[in-house]
Amino acid sequence: MWSCPHCGESYFTAQTMHELERIKTLRKSVAVRKSVSVAEYQRAAGA
């Protein structure tokens, strides 16, 4: 990321933007679905 020394605005470089687009395009082919256990809690009486 690059930040402008005059206004402080931040920018990604073209190379970084291309890599982000590549990752976005390929995300479904490299993603792995995993099951995650979820705890359930009951609300205490009077809460």
N, C-alpha and C. Protein backbone atom coordinates (compact mmCIF):
# COMPACT_ATOMS: atom_id res chain seq x y z
N MET A 1 0.85 -1.16 0.00
CA MET A 1 0.00 0.00 0.00
C MET A 1 0.91 1.23 0.00
N TRP A 2 0.47 2.21 -0.70
CA TRP A 2 1.21 3.46 -0.81
C TRP A 2 0.35 4.58 -0.24
N SER A 3 0.95 5.46 0.52
CA SER A 3 0.23 6.61 1.07
C SER A 3 0.81 7.89 0.50
N CYS A 4 -0.04 8.78 0.05
CA CYS A 4 0.38 10.06 -0.51
C CYS A 4 0.96 10.93 0.62
N PRO A 5 2.17 11.43 0.42
CA PRO A 5 2.78 12.25 1.46
C PRO A 5 2.10 13.62 1.63
N HIS A 6 1.29 14.02 0.65
CA HIS A 6 0.65 15.33 0.71
C HIS A 6 -0.73 15.28 1.38
N CYS A 7 -1.55 14.29 0.97
CA CYS A 7 -2.92 14.26 1.50
C CYS A 7 -3.18 13.09 2.45
N GLY A 8 -2.26 12.10 2.48
CA GLY A 8 -2.42 10.96 3.36
C GLY A 8 -3.30 9.86 2.80
N GLU A 9 -3.86 10.07 1.59
CA GLU A 9 -4.71 9.05 0.96
C GLU A 9 -3.87 7.80 0.70
N SER A 10 -4.44 6.63 0.94
CA SER A 10 -3.74 5.37 0.73
C SER A 10 -4.21 4.69 -0.54
N TYR A 11 -3.28 4.08 -1.22
CA TYR A 11 -3.57 3.40 -2.48
C TYR A 11 -2.84 2.06 -2.52
N PHE A 12 -3.44 1.09 -3.22
CA PHE A 12 -2.75 -0.14 -3.54
C PHE A 12 -2.00 0.05 -4.84
N THR A 13 -0.86 -0.60 -4.98
CA THR A 13 -0.13 -0.54 -6.24
C THR A 13 -0.87 -1.37 -7.27
N ALA A 14 -0.57 -1.15 -8.54
CA ALA A 14 -1.20 -1.92 -9.62
C ALA A 14 -0.91 -3.41 -9.45
N GLN A 15 0.31 -3.73 -9.06
CA GLN A 15 0.68 -5.13 -8.85
C GLN A 15 -0.17 -5.76 -7.75
N THR A 16 -0.39 -5.05 -6.67
CA THR A 16 -1.22 -5.55 -5.57
C THR A 16 -2.66 -5.72 -6.02
N MET A 17 -3.19 -4.76 -6.78
CA MET A 17 -4.56 -4.86 -7.28
C MET A 17 -4.72 -6.07 -8.20
N HIS A 18 -3.74 -6.31 -9.06
CA HIS A 18 -3.80 -7.48 -9.94
C HIS A 18 -3.81 -8.77 -9.13
N GLU A 19 -3.00 -8.83 -8.08
CA GLU A 19 -2.94 -10.03 -7.24
C GLU A 19 -4.25 -10.22 -6.48
N LEU A 20 -4.85 -9.14 -5.98
CA LEU A 20 -6.14 -9.25 -5.30
C LEU A 20 -7.22 -9.75 -6.26
N GLU A 21 -7.22 -9.25 -7.49
CA GLU A 21 -8.18 -9.72 -8.48
C GLU A 21 -7.97 -11.19 -8.81
N ARG A 22 -6.69 -11.61 -8.89
CA ARG A 22 -6.39 -13.02 -9.17
C ARG A 22 -6.91 -13.90 -8.03
N ILE A 23 -6.68 -13.50 -6.80
CA ILE A 23 -7.15 -14.26 -5.64
C ILE A 23 -8.67 -14.31 -5.64
N LYS A 24 -9.32 -13.19 -5.92
CA LYS A 24 -10.78 -13.14 -5.96
C LYS A 24 -11.33 -14.09 -7.03
N THR A 25 -10.69 -14.13 -8.18
CA THR A 25 -11.13 -15.00 -9.27
C THR A 25 -10.97 -16.47 -8.91
N LEU A 26 -9.88 -16.80 -8.21
CA LEU A 26 -9.57 -18.20 -7.91
C LEU A 26 -10.08 -18.67 -6.55
N ARG A 27 -10.75 -17.80 -5.79
CA ARG A 27 -11.09 -18.13 -4.41
C ARG A 27 -11.91 -19.40 -4.27
N LYS A 28 -12.83 -19.66 -5.19
CA LYS A 28 -13.65 -20.86 -5.07
C LYS A 28 -12.87 -22.12 -5.36
N SER A 29 -11.85 -22.04 -6.20
CA SER A 29 -11.08 -23.23 -6.54
C SER A 29 -10.05 -23.57 -5.46
N VAL A 30 -9.67 -22.62 -4.63
CA VAL A 30 -8.67 -22.89 -3.60
C VAL A 30 -9.27 -22.95 -2.20
N ALA A 31 -10.52 -22.56 -2.05
CA ALA A 31 -11.16 -22.56 -0.73
C ALA A 31 -11.49 -23.99 -0.30
N VAL A 32 -11.40 -24.22 0.99
CA VAL A 32 -11.74 -25.51 1.57
C VAL A 32 -12.84 -25.28 2.59
N ARG A 33 -13.97 -25.95 2.42
CA ARG A 33 -15.08 -25.81 3.36
C ARG A 33 -14.80 -26.68 4.59
N LYS A 34 -14.96 -26.09 5.75
CA LYS A 34 -14.74 -26.82 7.01
C LYS A 34 -15.93 -26.62 7.92
N SER A 35 -16.30 -27.68 8.62
CA SER A 35 -17.37 -27.59 9.62
C SER A 35 -16.78 -27.03 10.91
N VAL A 36 -17.57 -26.23 11.59
CA VAL A 36 -17.12 -25.61 12.84
C VAL A 36 -18.19 -25.85 13.89
N SER A 37 -17.77 -26.34 15.04
CA SER A 37 -18.71 -26.54 16.14
C SER A 37 -19.11 -25.19 16.73
N VAL A 38 -20.38 -25.07 17.05
CA VAL A 38 -20.88 -23.82 17.63
C VAL A 38 -21.56 -24.15 18.95
N ALA A 39 -21.15 -23.45 20.00
CA ALA A 39 -21.75 -23.66 21.32
C ALA A 39 -23.03 -22.85 21.42
N GLU A 40 -24.02 -23.42 22.07
CA GLU A 40 -25.27 -22.70 22.32
C GLU A 40 -25.39 -22.44 23.81
N TYR A 41 -25.77 -21.23 24.15
CA TYR A 41 -25.93 -20.86 25.55
C TYR A 41 -27.37 -20.44 25.78
N GLN A 42 -27.85 -20.75 26.98
CA GLN A 42 -29.18 -20.30 27.35
C GLN A 42 -29.04 -19.06 28.23
N ARG A 43 -29.96 -18.17 28.05
CA ARG A 43 -29.96 -16.96 28.86
C ARG A 43 -30.37 -17.29 30.28
N ALA A 44 -29.68 -16.73 31.25
CA ALA A 44 -30.00 -16.98 32.66
C ALA A 44 -31.35 -16.34 32.99
N ALA A 45 -32.07 -16.94 33.91
CA ALA A 45 -33.38 -16.41 34.33
C ALA A 45 -33.19 -15.00 34.88
N GLY A 46 -34.05 -14.08 34.43
CA GLY A 46 -34.00 -12.72 34.90
C GLY A 46 -33.01 -11.85 34.15
N ALA A 47 -32.32 -12.44 33.17
CA ALA A 47 -31.32 -11.64 32.43
C ALA A 47 -31.94 -10.97 31.22
